[in-house]
Amino acid sequence: LGTTAAAKASGGKYSTIWVDVDGCESTPDCS
């Protein structure tokens, strides 16, 4: 979650692929 939050804050500089549970349903960092 430290990575997804930082990616979200980067404004599109980089993005992520989550694992286990759909990250758009389980984290606040879908974007």
mmCIF file of all heavy atoms, coordinates in Angstrom:
data_MODEL
# 
_entry.id   MODEL 
# 
loop_
_atom_site.group_PDB 
_atom_site.id 
_atom_site.type_symbol 
_atom_site.label_atom_id 
_atom_site.label_alt_id 
_atom_site.label_comp_id 
_atom_site.label_asym_id 
_atom_site.label_entity_id 
_atom_site.label_seq_id 
_atom_site.pdbx_PDB_ins_code 
_atom_site.Cartn_x 
_atom_site.Cartn_y 
_atom_site.Cartn_z 
_atom_site.occupancy 
_atom_site.B_iso_or_equiv 
_atom_site.pdbx_formal_charge 
_atom_site.auth_seq_id 
_atom_site.auth_comp_id 
_atom_site.auth_asym_id 
_atom_site.auth_atom_id 
_atom_site.pdbx_PDB_model_num 
ATOM 1   N N   . LEU A 1 1  ? 0.828   -1.209  0.000   1.00 0.00 ? 1  LEU A N   1 
ATOM 2   C CA  . LEU A 1 1  ? 0.000   0.000   0.000   1.00 0.00 ? 1  LEU A CA  1 
ATOM 3   C C   . LEU A 1 1  ? 0.863   1.260   0.000   1.00 0.00 ? 1  LEU A C   1 
ATOM 4   O O   . LEU A 1 1  ? 0.418   2.322   -0.443  1.00 0.00 ? 1  LEU A O   1 
ATOM 5   C CB  . LEU A 1 1  ? -0.933  0.001   1.214   1.00 0.00 ? 1  LEU A CB  1 
ATOM 6   C CG  . LEU A 1 1  ? -2.009  -1.103  1.222   1.00 0.00 ? 1  LEU A CG  1 
ATOM 7   C CD1 . LEU A 1 1  ? -2.710  -1.149  2.571   1.00 0.00 ? 1  LEU A CD1 1 
ATOM 8   C CD2 . LEU A 1 1  ? -3.011  -0.877  0.095   1.00 0.00 ? 1  LEU A CD2 1 
ATOM 9   N N   . GLY A 1 2  ? 2.097   1.139   0.480   1.00 0.00 ? 2  GLY A N   1 
ATOM 10  C CA  . GLY A 1 2  ? 3.009   2.277   0.413   1.00 0.00 ? 2  GLY A CA  1 
ATOM 11  C C   . GLY A 1 2  ? 3.334   2.629   -1.026  1.00 0.00 ? 2  GLY A C   1 
ATOM 12  O O   . GLY A 1 2  ? 3.516   3.806   -1.368  1.00 0.00 ? 2  GLY A O   1 
ATOM 13  N N   . THR A 1 3  ? 3.376   1.613   -1.875  1.00 0.00 ? 3  THR A N   1 
ATOM 14  C CA  . THR A 1 3  ? 3.651   1.824   -3.299  1.00 0.00 ? 3  THR A CA  1 
ATOM 15  C C   . THR A 1 3  ? 2.438   2.383   -4.023  1.00 0.00 ? 3  THR A C   1 
ATOM 16  O O   . THR A 1 3  ? 2.556   3.335   -4.806  1.00 0.00 ? 3  THR A O   1 
ATOM 17  C CB  . THR A 1 3  ? 4.091   0.496   -3.948  1.00 0.00 ? 3  THR A CB  1 
ATOM 18  O OG1 . THR A 1 3  ? 5.310   0.065   -3.344  1.00 0.00 ? 3  THR A OG1 1 
ATOM 19  C CG2 . THR A 1 3  ? 4.305   0.675   -5.453  1.00 0.00 ? 3  THR A CG2 1 
ATOM 20  N N   . THR A 1 4  ? 1.265   1.805   -3.765  1.00 0.00 ? 4  THR A N   1 
ATOM 21  C CA  . THR A 1 4  ? 0.075   2.285   -4.481  1.00 0.00 ? 4  THR A CA  1 
ATOM 22  C C   . THR A 1 4  ? -0.248  3.730   -4.092  1.00 0.00 ? 4  THR A C   1 
ATOM 23  O O   . THR A 1 4  ? -0.636  4.532   -4.944  1.00 0.00 ? 4  THR A O   1 
ATOM 24  C CB  . THR A 1 4  ? -1.145  1.388   -4.219  1.00 0.00 ? 4  THR A CB  1 
ATOM 25  O OG1 . THR A 1 4  ? -1.427  1.334   -2.817  1.00 0.00 ? 4  THR A OG1 1 
ATOM 26  C CG2 . THR A 1 4  ? -0.914  -0.022  -4.743  1.00 0.00 ? 4  THR A CG2 1 
ATOM 27  N N   . ALA A 1 5  ? -0.071  4.072   -2.807  1.00 0.00 ? 5  ALA A N   1 
ATOM 28  C CA  . ALA A 1 5  ? -0.341  5.445   -2.360  1.00 0.00 ? 5  ALA A CA  1 
ATOM 29  C C   . ALA A 1 5  ? 0.635   6.421   -3.000  1.00 0.00 ? 5  ALA A C   1 
ATOM 30  O O   . ALA A 1 5  ? 0.246   7.516   -3.437  1.00 0.00 ? 5  ALA A O   1 
ATOM 31  C CB  . ALA A 1 5  ? -0.252  5.532   -0.840  1.00 0.00 ? 5  ALA A CB  1 
ATOM 32  N N   . ALA A 1 6  ? 1.906   6.025   -3.082  1.00 0.00 ? 6  ALA A N   1 
ATOM 33  C CA  . ALA A 1 6  ? 2.918   6.897   -3.687  1.00 0.00 ? 6  ALA A CA  1 
ATOM 34  C C   . ALA A 1 6  ? 2.678   7.045   -5.187  1.00 0.00 ? 6  ALA A C   1 
ATOM 35  O O   . ALA A 1 6  ? 2.856   8.129   -5.756  1.00 0.00 ? 6  ALA A O   1 
ATOM 36  C CB  . ALA A 1 6  ? 4.315   6.343   -3.422  1.00 0.00 ? 6  ALA A CB  1 
ATOM 37  N N   . ALA A 1 7  ? 2.250   5.957   -5.820  1.00 0.00 ? 7  ALA A N   1 
ATOM 38  C CA  . ALA A 1 7  ? 1.958   6.021   -7.257  1.00 0.00 ? 7  ALA A CA  1 
ATOM 39  C C   . ALA A 1 7  ? 0.787   6.958   -7.517  1.00 0.00 ? 7  ALA A C   1 
ATOM 40  O O   . ALA A 1 7  ? 0.803   7.761   -8.456  1.00 0.00 ? 7  ALA A O   1 
ATOM 41  C CB  . ALA A 1 7  ? 1.655   4.626   -7.787  1.00 0.00 ? 7  ALA A CB  1 
ATOM 42  N N   . LYS A 1 8  ? -0.226  6.868   -6.656  1.00 0.00 ? 8  LYS A N   1 
ATOM 43  C CA  . LYS A 1 8  ? -1.386  7.752   -6.781  1.00 0.00 ? 8  LYS A CA  1 
ATOM 44  C C   . LYS A 1 8  ? -0.965  9.212   -6.623  1.00 0.00 ? 8  LYS A C   1 
ATOM 45  O O   . LYS A 1 8  ? -1.413  10.088  -7.378  1.00 0.00 ? 8  LYS A O   1 
ATOM 46  C CB  . LYS A 1 8  ? -2.422  7.382   -5.720  1.00 0.00 ? 8  LYS A CB  1 
ATOM 47  C CG  . LYS A 1 8  ? -3.731  8.167   -5.805  1.00 0.00 ? 8  LYS A CG  1 
ATOM 48  C CD  . LYS A 1 8  ? -4.699  7.672   -4.729  1.00 0.00 ? 8  LYS A CD  1 
ATOM 49  C CE  . LYS A 1 8  ? -6.012  8.444   -4.745  1.00 0.00 ? 8  LYS A CE  1 
ATOM 50  N NZ  . LYS A 1 8  ? -6.926  7.961   -3.680  1.00 0.00 ? 8  LYS A NZ  1 
ATOM 51  N N   . ALA A 1 9  ? -0.075  9.455   -5.665  1.00 0.00 ? 9  ALA A N   1 
ATOM 52  C CA  . ALA A 1 9  ? 0.392   10.826  -5.408  1.00 0.00 ? 9  ALA A CA  1 
ATOM 53  C C   . ALA A 1 9  ? 1.335   11.335  -6.493  1.00 0.00 ? 9  ALA A C   1 
ATOM 54  O O   . ALA A 1 9  ? 1.562   12.544  -6.597  1.00 0.00 ? 9  ALA A O   1 
ATOM 55  C CB  . ALA A 1 9  ? 1.095   10.887  -4.051  1.00 0.00 ? 9  ALA A CB  1 
ATOM 56  N N   . SER A 1 10 ? 1.867   10.427  -7.311  1.00 0.00 ? 10 SER A N   1 
ATOM 57  C CA  . SER A 1 10 ? 2.849   10.832  -8.329  1.00 0.00 ? 10 SER A CA  1 
ATOM 58  C C   . SER A 1 10 ? 2.197   11.516  -9.526  1.00 0.00 ? 10 SER A C   1 
ATOM 59  O O   . SER A 1 10 ? 2.896   12.026  -10.410 1.00 0.00 ? 10 SER A O   1 
ATOM 60  C CB  . SER A 1 10 ? 3.648   9.613   -8.814  1.00 0.00 ? 10 SER A CB  1 
ATOM 61  O OG  . SER A 1 10 ? 2.891   8.814   -9.720  1.00 0.00 ? 10 SER A OG  1 
ATOM 62  N N   . GLY A 1 11 ? 0.869   11.490  -9.568  1.00 0.00 ? 11 GLY A N   1 
ATOM 63  C CA  . GLY A 1 11 ? 0.179   12.152  -10.669 1.00 0.00 ? 11 GLY A CA  1 
ATOM 64  C C   . GLY A 1 11 ? 0.395   11.499  -12.010 1.00 0.00 ? 11 GLY A C   1 
ATOM 65  O O   . GLY A 1 11 ? 0.438   12.171  -13.045 1.00 0.00 ? 11 GLY A O   1 
ATOM 66  N N   . GLY A 1 12 ? 0.544   10.186  -12.010 1.00 0.00 ? 12 GLY A N   1 
ATOM 67  C CA  . GLY A 1 12 ? 0.686   9.467   -13.270 1.00 0.00 ? 12 GLY A CA  1 
ATOM 68  C C   . GLY A 1 12 ? 2.117   9.181   -13.679 1.00 0.00 ? 12 GLY A C   1 
ATOM 69  O O   . GLY A 1 12 ? 2.357   8.577   -14.724 1.00 0.00 ? 12 GLY A O   1 
ATOM 70  N N   . LYS A 1 13 ? 3.092   9.572   -12.845 1.00 0.00 ? 13 LYS A N   1 
ATOM 71  C CA  . LYS A 1 13 ? 4.494   9.286   -13.169 1.00 0.00 ? 13 LYS A CA  1 
ATOM 72  C C   . LYS A 1 13 ? 4.714   7.786   -13.283 1.00 0.00 ? 13 LYS A C   1 
ATOM 73  O O   . LYS A 1 13 ? 5.464   7.313   -14.130 1.00 0.00 ? 13 LYS A O   1 
ATOM 74  C CB  . LYS A 1 13 ? 5.416   9.879   -12.111 1.00 0.00 ? 13 LYS A CB  1 
ATOM 75  C CG  . LYS A 1 13 ? 6.895   9.617   -12.381 1.00 0.00 ? 13 LYS A CG  1 
ATOM 76  C CD  . LYS A 1 13 ? 7.784   10.187  -11.280 1.00 0.00 ? 13 LYS A CD  1 
ATOM 77  C CE  . LYS A 1 13 ? 9.245   9.850   -11.534 1.00 0.00 ? 13 LYS A CE  1 
ATOM 78  N NZ  . LYS A 1 13 ? 10.137  10.290  -10.438 1.00 0.00 ? 13 LYS A NZ  1 
ATOM 79  N N   . TYR A 1 14 ? 4.079   7.052   -12.383 1.00 0.00 ? 14 TYR A N   1 
ATOM 80  C CA  . TYR A 1 14 ? 4.130   5.596   -12.478 1.00 0.00 ? 14 TYR A CA  1 
ATOM 81  C C   . TYR A 1 14 ? 2.839   5.009   -11.919 1.00 0.00 ? 14 TYR A C   1 
ATOM 82  O O   . TYR A 1 14 ? 2.060   5.708   -11.259 1.00 0.00 ? 14 TYR A O   1 
ATOM 83  C CB  . TYR A 1 14 ? 5.349   5.011   -11.764 1.00 0.00 ? 14 TYR A CB  1 
ATOM 84  C CG  . TYR A 1 14 ? 5.400   5.180   -10.266 1.00 0.00 ? 14 TYR A CG  1 
ATOM 85  C CD1 . TYR A 1 14 ? 5.075   4.132   -9.407  1.00 0.00 ? 14 TYR A CD1 1 
ATOM 86  C CD2 . TYR A 1 14 ? 5.814   6.386   -9.700  1.00 0.00 ? 14 TYR A CD2 1 
ATOM 87  C CE1 . TYR A 1 14 ? 5.147   4.274   -8.029  1.00 0.00 ? 14 TYR A CE1 1 
ATOM 88  C CE2 . TYR A 1 14 ? 5.893   6.542   -8.324  1.00 0.00 ? 14 TYR A CE2 1 
ATOM 89  C CZ  . TYR A 1 14 ? 5.566   5.478   -7.495  1.00 0.00 ? 14 TYR A CZ  1 
ATOM 90  O OH  . TYR A 1 14 ? 5.642   5.637   -6.129  1.00 0.00 ? 14 TYR A OH  1 
ATOM 91  N N   . SER A 1 15 ? 2.586   3.749   -12.250 1.00 0.00 ? 15 SER A N   1 
ATOM 92  C CA  . SER A 1 15 ? 1.370   3.076   -11.804 1.00 0.00 ? 15 SER A CA  1 
ATOM 93  C C   . SER A 1 15 ? 1.729   1.692   -11.281 1.00 0.00 ? 15 SER A C   1 
ATOM 94  O O   . SER A 1 15 ? 2.906   1.308   -11.261 1.00 0.00 ? 15 SER A O   1 
ATOM 95  C CB  . SER A 1 15 ? 0.347   3.004   -12.945 1.00 0.00 ? 15 SER A CB  1 
ATOM 96  O OG  . SER A 1 15 ? 0.935   2.460   -14.106 1.00 0.00 ? 15 SER A OG  1 
ATOM 97  N N   . THR A 1 16 ? 0.719   0.968   -10.842 1.00 0.00 ? 16 THR A N   1 
ATOM 98  C CA  . THR A 1 16 ? 0.973   -0.308  -10.175 1.00 0.00 ? 16 THR A CA  1 
ATOM 99  C C   . THR A 1 16 ? 0.061   -1.421  -10.665 1.00 0.00 ? 16 THR A C   1 
ATOM 100 O O   . THR A 1 16 ? -0.944  -1.180  -11.325 1.00 0.00 ? 16 THR A O   1 
ATOM 101 C CB  . THR A 1 16 ? 0.773   -0.175  -8.650  1.00 0.00 ? 16 THR A CB  1 
ATOM 102 O OG1 . THR A 1 16 ? -0.619  0.099   -8.392  1.00 0.00 ? 16 THR A OG1 1 
ATOM 103 C CG2 . THR A 1 16 ? 1.614   0.951   -8.065  1.00 0.00 ? 16 THR A CG2 1 
ATOM 104 N N   . ILE A 1 17 ? 0.447   -2.624  -10.301 1.00 0.00 ? 17 ILE A N   1 
ATOM 105 C CA  . ILE A 1 17 ? -0.413  -3.796  -10.442 1.00 0.00 ? 17 ILE A CA  1 
ATOM 106 C C   . ILE A 1 17 ? -0.518  -4.401  -9.050  1.00 0.00 ? 17 ILE A C   1 
ATOM 107 O O   . ILE A 1 17 ? 0.502   -4.636  -8.397  1.00 0.00 ? 17 ILE A O   1 
ATOM 108 C CB  . ILE A 1 17 ? 0.169   -4.805  -11.445 1.00 0.00 ? 17 ILE A CB  1 
ATOM 109 C CG1 . ILE A 1 17 ? 0.085   -4.221  -12.867 1.00 0.00 ? 17 ILE A CG1 1 
ATOM 110 C CG2 . ILE A 1 17 ? -0.575  -6.141  -11.377 1.00 0.00 ? 17 ILE A CG2 1 
ATOM 111 C CD1 . ILE A 1 17 ? 0.790   -5.027  -13.932 1.00 0.00 ? 17 ILE A CD1 1 
ATOM 112 N N   . TRP A 1 18 ? -1.726  -4.583  -8.553  1.00 0.00 ? 18 TRP A N   1 
ATOM 113 C CA  . TRP A 1 18 ? -1.947  -5.108  -7.213  1.00 0.00 ? 18 TRP A CA  1 
ATOM 114 C C   . TRP A 1 18 ? -2.053  -6.633  -7.281  1.00 0.00 ? 18 TRP A C   1 
ATOM 115 O O   . TRP A 1 18 ? -2.082  -7.202  -8.385  1.00 0.00 ? 18 TRP A O   1 
ATOM 116 C CB  . TRP A 1 18 ? -3.220  -4.482  -6.630  1.00 0.00 ? 18 TRP A CB  1 
ATOM 117 C CG  . TRP A 1 18 ? -3.424  -4.687  -5.154  1.00 0.00 ? 18 TRP A CG  1 
ATOM 118 C CD1 . TRP A 1 18 ? -4.486  -5.311  -4.544  1.00 0.00 ? 18 TRP A CD1 1 
ATOM 119 C CD2 . TRP A 1 18 ? -2.564  -4.243  -4.095  1.00 0.00 ? 18 TRP A CD2 1 
ATOM 120 N NE1 . TRP A 1 18 ? -4.334  -5.288  -3.176  1.00 0.00 ? 18 TRP A NE1 1 
ATOM 121 C CE2 . TRP A 1 18 ? -3.150  -4.638  -2.876  1.00 0.00 ? 18 TRP A CE2 1 
ATOM 122 C CE3 . TRP A 1 18 ? -1.333  -3.564  -4.060  1.00 0.00 ? 18 TRP A CE3 1 
ATOM 123 C CZ2 . TRP A 1 18 ? -2.568  -4.393  -1.632  1.00 0.00 ? 18 TRP A CZ2 1 
ATOM 124 C CZ3 . TRP A 1 18 ? -0.755  -3.302  -2.824  1.00 0.00 ? 18 TRP A CZ3 1 
ATOM 125 C CH2 . TRP A 1 18 ? -1.369  -3.712  -1.636  1.00 0.00 ? 18 TRP A CH2 1 
ATOM 126 N N   . VAL A 1 19 ? -2.081  -7.280  -6.121  1.00 0.00 ? 19 VAL A N   1 
ATOM 127 C CA  . VAL A 1 19 ? -2.206  -8.740  -6.111  1.00 0.00 ? 19 VAL A CA  1 
ATOM 128 C C   . VAL A 1 19 ? -3.226  -9.194  -5.068  1.00 0.00 ? 19 VAL A C   1 
ATOM 129 O O   . VAL A 1 19 ? -3.583  -8.446  -4.157  1.00 0.00 ? 19 VAL A O   1 
ATOM 130 C CB  . VAL A 1 19 ? -0.851  -9.444  -5.814  1.00 0.00 ? 19 VAL A CB  1 
ATOM 131 C CG1 . VAL A 1 19 ? 0.167   -9.134  -6.889  1.00 0.00 ? 19 VAL A CG1 1 
ATOM 132 C CG2 . VAL A 1 19 ? -0.321  -9.063  -4.435  1.00 0.00 ? 19 VAL A CG2 1 
ATOM 133 N N   . ASP A 1 20 ? -3.674  -10.406 -5.217  1.00 0.00 ? 20 ASP A N   1 
ATOM 134 C CA  . ASP A 1 20 ? -4.573  -11.126 -4.309  1.00 0.00 ? 20 ASP A CA  1 
ATOM 135 C C   . ASP A 1 20 ? -6.030  -10.704 -4.427  1.00 0.00 ? 20 ASP A C   1 
ATOM 136 O O   . ASP A 1 20 ? -6.876  -11.490 -4.807  1.00 0.00 ? 20 ASP A O   1 
ATOM 137 C CB  . ASP A 1 20 ? -4.127  -11.004 -2.840  1.00 0.00 ? 20 ASP A CB  1 
ATOM 138 C CG  . ASP A 1 20 ? -2.857  -11.788 -2.547  1.00 0.00 ? 20 ASP A CG  1 
ATOM 139 O OD1 . ASP A 1 20 ? -2.556  -12.728 -3.304  1.00 0.00 ? 20 ASP A OD1 1 
ATOM 140 O OD2 . ASP A 1 20 ? -2.171  -11.462 -1.567  1.00 0.00 ? 20 ASP A OD2 1 
ATOM 141 N N   . VAL A 1 21 ? -6.348  -9.455  -4.041  1.00 0.00 ? 21 VAL A N   1 
ATOM 142 C CA  . VAL A 1 21 ? -7.724  -8.959  -4.050  1.00 0.00 ? 21 VAL A CA  1 
ATOM 143 C C   . VAL A 1 21 ? -7.785  -7.735  -4.951  1.00 0.00 ? 21 VAL A C   1 
ATOM 144 O O   . VAL A 1 21 ? -6.917  -6.870  -4.864  1.00 0.00 ? 21 VAL A O   1 
ATOM 145 C CB  . VAL A 1 21 ? -8.167  -8.529  -2.639  1.00 0.00 ? 21 VAL A CB  1 
ATOM 146 C CG1 . VAL A 1 21 ? -9.625  -8.101  -2.642  1.00 0.00 ? 21 VAL A CG1 1 
ATOM 147 C CG2 . VAL A 1 21 ? -7.953  -9.651  -1.642  1.00 0.00 ? 21 VAL A CG2 1 
ATOM 148 N N   . ASP A 1 22 ? -8.786  -7.647  -5.808  1.00 0.00 ? 22 ASP A N   1 
ATOM 149 C CA  . ASP A 1 22 ? -8.935  -6.498  -6.699  1.00 0.00 ? 22 ASP A CA  1 
ATOM 150 C C   . ASP A 1 22 ? -8.654  -5.198  -5.944  1.00 0.00 ? 22 ASP A C   1 
ATOM 151 O O   . ASP A 1 22 ? -9.394  -4.800  -5.043  1.00 0.00 ? 22 ASP A O   1 
ATOM 152 C CB  . ASP A 1 22 ? -10.355 -6.475  -7.278  1.00 0.00 ? 22 ASP A CB  1 
ATOM 153 C CG  . ASP A 1 22 ? -10.539 -5.432  -8.383  1.00 0.00 ? 22 ASP A CG  1 
ATOM 154 O OD1 . ASP A 1 22 ? -9.772  -4.446  -8.410  1.00 0.00 ? 22 ASP A OD1 1 
ATOM 155 O OD2 . ASP A 1 22 ? -11.464 -5.597  -9.196  1.00 0.00 ? 22 ASP A OD2 1 
ATOM 156 N N   . GLY A 1 23 ? -7.570  -4.530  -6.303  1.00 0.00 ? 23 GLY A N   1 
ATOM 157 C CA  . GLY A 1 23 ? -7.146  -3.322  -5.595  1.00 0.00 ? 23 GLY A CA  1 
ATOM 158 C C   . GLY A 1 23 ? -8.126  -2.180  -5.686  1.00 0.00 ? 23 GLY A C   1 
ATOM 159 O O   . GLY A 1 23 ? -8.121  -1.282  -4.830  1.00 0.00 ? 23 GLY A O   1 
ATOM 160 N N   . CYS A 1 24 ? -8.984  -2.216  -6.703  1.00 0.00 ? 24 CYS A N   1 
ATOM 161 C CA  . CYS A 1 24 ? -9.974  -1.147  -6.829  1.00 0.00 ? 24 CYS A CA  1 
ATOM 162 C C   . CYS A 1 24 ? -11.164 -1.379  -5.898  1.00 0.00 ? 24 CYS A C   1 
ATOM 163 O O   . CYS A 1 24 ? -11.976 -0.489  -5.698  1.00 0.00 ? 24 CYS A O   1 
ATOM 164 C CB  . CYS A 1 24 ? -10.438 -1.019  -8.279  1.00 0.00 ? 24 CYS A CB  1 
ATOM 165 S SG  . CYS A 1 24 ? -9.232  -0.159  -9.312  1.00 0.00 ? 24 CYS A SG  1 
ATOM 166 N N   . GLU A 1 25 ? -11.258 -2.555  -5.330  1.00 0.00 ? 25 GLU A N   1 
ATOM 167 C CA  . GLU A 1 25 ? -12.313 -2.835  -4.362  1.00 0.00 ? 25 GLU A CA  1 
ATOM 168 C C   . GLU A 1 25 ? -11.767 -2.912  -2.937  1.00 0.00 ? 25 GLU A C   1 
ATOM 169 O O   . GLU A 1 25 ? -12.529 -2.902  -1.980  1.00 0.00 ? 25 GLU A O   1 
ATOM 170 C CB  . GLU A 1 25 ? -13.008 -4.150  -4.724  1.00 0.00 ? 25 GLU A CB  1 
ATOM 171 C CG  . GLU A 1 25 ? -13.710 -4.083  -6.077  1.00 0.00 ? 25 GLU A CG  1 
ATOM 172 C CD  . GLU A 1 25 ? -14.414 -5.384  -6.433  1.00 0.00 ? 25 GLU A CD  1 
ATOM 173 O OE1 . GLU A 1 25 ? -14.491 -6.284  -5.574  1.00 0.00 ? 25 GLU A OE1 1 
ATOM 174 O OE2 . GLU A 1 25 ? -14.877 -5.503  -7.579  1.00 0.00 ? 25 GLU A OE2 1 
ATOM 175 N N   . SER A 1 26 ? -10.444 -2.986  -2.806  1.00 0.00 ? 26 SER A N   1 
ATOM 176 C CA  . SER A 1 26 ? -9.873  -3.195  -1.474  1.00 0.00 ? 26 SER A CA  1 
ATOM 177 C C   . SER A 1 26 ? -8.926  -2.098  -1.014  1.00 0.00 ? 26 SER A C   1 
ATOM 178 O O   . SER A 1 26 ? -8.531  -2.072  0.148   1.00 0.00 ? 26 SER A O   1 
ATOM 179 C CB  . SER A 1 26 ? -9.115  -4.531  -1.437  1.00 0.00 ? 26 SER A CB  1 
ATOM 180 O OG  . SER A 1 26 ? -8.025  -4.515  -2.345  1.00 0.00 ? 26 SER A OG  1 
ATOM 181 N N   . THR A 1 27 ? -8.544  -1.181  -1.904  1.00 0.00 ? 27 THR A N   1 
ATOM 182 C CA  . THR A 1 27 ? -7.640  -0.094  -1.520  1.00 0.00 ? 27 THR A CA  1 
ATOM 183 C C   . THR A 1 27 ? -8.238  1.238   -1.988  1.00 0.00 ? 27 THR A C   1 
ATOM 184 O O   . THR A 1 27 ? -9.120  1.263   -2.856  1.00 0.00 ? 27 THR A O   1 
ATOM 185 C CB  . THR A 1 27 ? -6.240  -0.243  -2.153  1.00 0.00 ? 27 THR A CB  1 
ATOM 186 O OG1 . THR A 1 27 ? -6.263  0.284   -3.500  1.00 0.00 ? 27 THR A OG1 1 
ATOM 187 C CG2 . THR A 1 27 ? -5.792  -1.700  -2.191  1.00 0.00 ? 27 THR A CG2 1 
ATOM 188 N N   . PRO A 1 28 ? -7.727  2.357   -1.462  1.00 0.00 ? 28 PRO A N   1 
ATOM 189 C CA  . PRO A 1 28 ? -8.206  3.664   -1.907  1.00 0.00 ? 28 PRO A CA  1 
ATOM 190 C C   . PRO A 1 28 ? -7.435  4.200   -3.110  1.00 0.00 ? 28 PRO A C   1 
ATOM 191 O O   . PRO A 1 28 ? -7.595  5.358   -3.483  1.00 0.00 ? 28 PRO A O   1 
ATOM 192 C CB  . PRO A 1 28 ? -7.960  4.550   -0.682  1.00 0.00 ? 28 PRO A CB  1 
ATOM 193 C CG  . PRO A 1 28 ? -6.772  3.943   -0.021  1.00 0.00 ? 28 PRO A CG  1 
ATOM 194 C CD  . PRO A 1 28 ? -6.864  2.466   -0.275  1.00 0.00 ? 28 PRO A CD  1 
ATOM 195 N N   . ASP A 1 29 ? -6.613  3.339   -3.721  1.00 0.00 ? 29 ASP A N   1 
ATOM 196 C CA  . ASP A 1 29 ? -5.667  3.813   -4.735  1.00 0.00 ? 29 ASP A CA  1 
ATOM 197 C C   . ASP A 1 29 ? -5.970  3.306   -6.136  1.00 0.00 ? 29 ASP A C   1 
ATOM 198 O O   . ASP A 1 29 ? -5.063  3.127   -6.961  1.00 0.00 ? 29 ASP A O   1 
ATOM 199 C CB  . ASP A 1 29 ? -4.245  3.408   -4.324  1.00 0.00 ? 29 ASP A CB  1 
ATOM 200 C CG  . ASP A 1 29 ? -3.889  3.898   -2.931  1.00 0.00 ? 29 ASP A CG  1 
ATOM 201 O OD1 . ASP A 1 29 ? -4.287  5.025   -2.590  1.00 0.00 ? 29 ASP A OD1 1 
ATOM 202 O OD2 . ASP A 1 29 ? -3.215  3.153   -2.188  1.00 0.00 ? 29 ASP A OD2 1 
ATOM 203 N N   . CYS A 1 30 ? -7.252  3.108   -6.440  1.00 0.00 ? 30 CYS A N   1 
ATOM 204 C CA  . CYS A 1 30 ? -7.654  2.534   -7.729  1.00 0.00 ? 30 CYS A CA  1 
ATOM 205 C C   . CYS A 1 30 ? -7.072  3.294   -8.917  1.00 0.00 ? 30 CYS A C   1 
ATOM 206 O O   . CYS A 1 30 ? -6.690  2.696   -9.916  1.00 0.00 ? 30 CYS A O   1 
ATOM 207 C CB  . CYS A 1 30 ? -9.175  2.501   -7.823  1.00 0.00 ? 30 CYS A CB  1 
ATOM 208 S SG  . CYS A 1 30 ? -9.813  1.765   -9.355  1.00 0.00 ? 30 CYS A SG  1 
ATOM 209 N N   . SER A 1 31 ? -6.986  4.622   -8.804  1.00 0.00 ? 31 SER A N   1 
ATOM 210 C CA  . SER A 1 31 ? -6.538  5.431   -9.942  1.00 0.00 ? 31 SER A CA  1 
ATOM 211 C C   . SER A 1 31 ? -5.088  5.135   -10.338 1.00 0.00 ? 31 SER A C   1 
ATOM 212 O O   . SER A 1 31 ? -4.655  5.524   -11.425 1.00 0.00 ? 31 SER A O   1 
ATOM 213 C CB  . SER A 1 31 ? -6.680  6.921   -9.619  1.00 0.00 ? 31 SER A CB  1 
ATOM 214 O OG  . SER A 1 31 ? -5.888  7.276   -8.496  1.00 0.00 ? 31 SER A OG  1 
# 
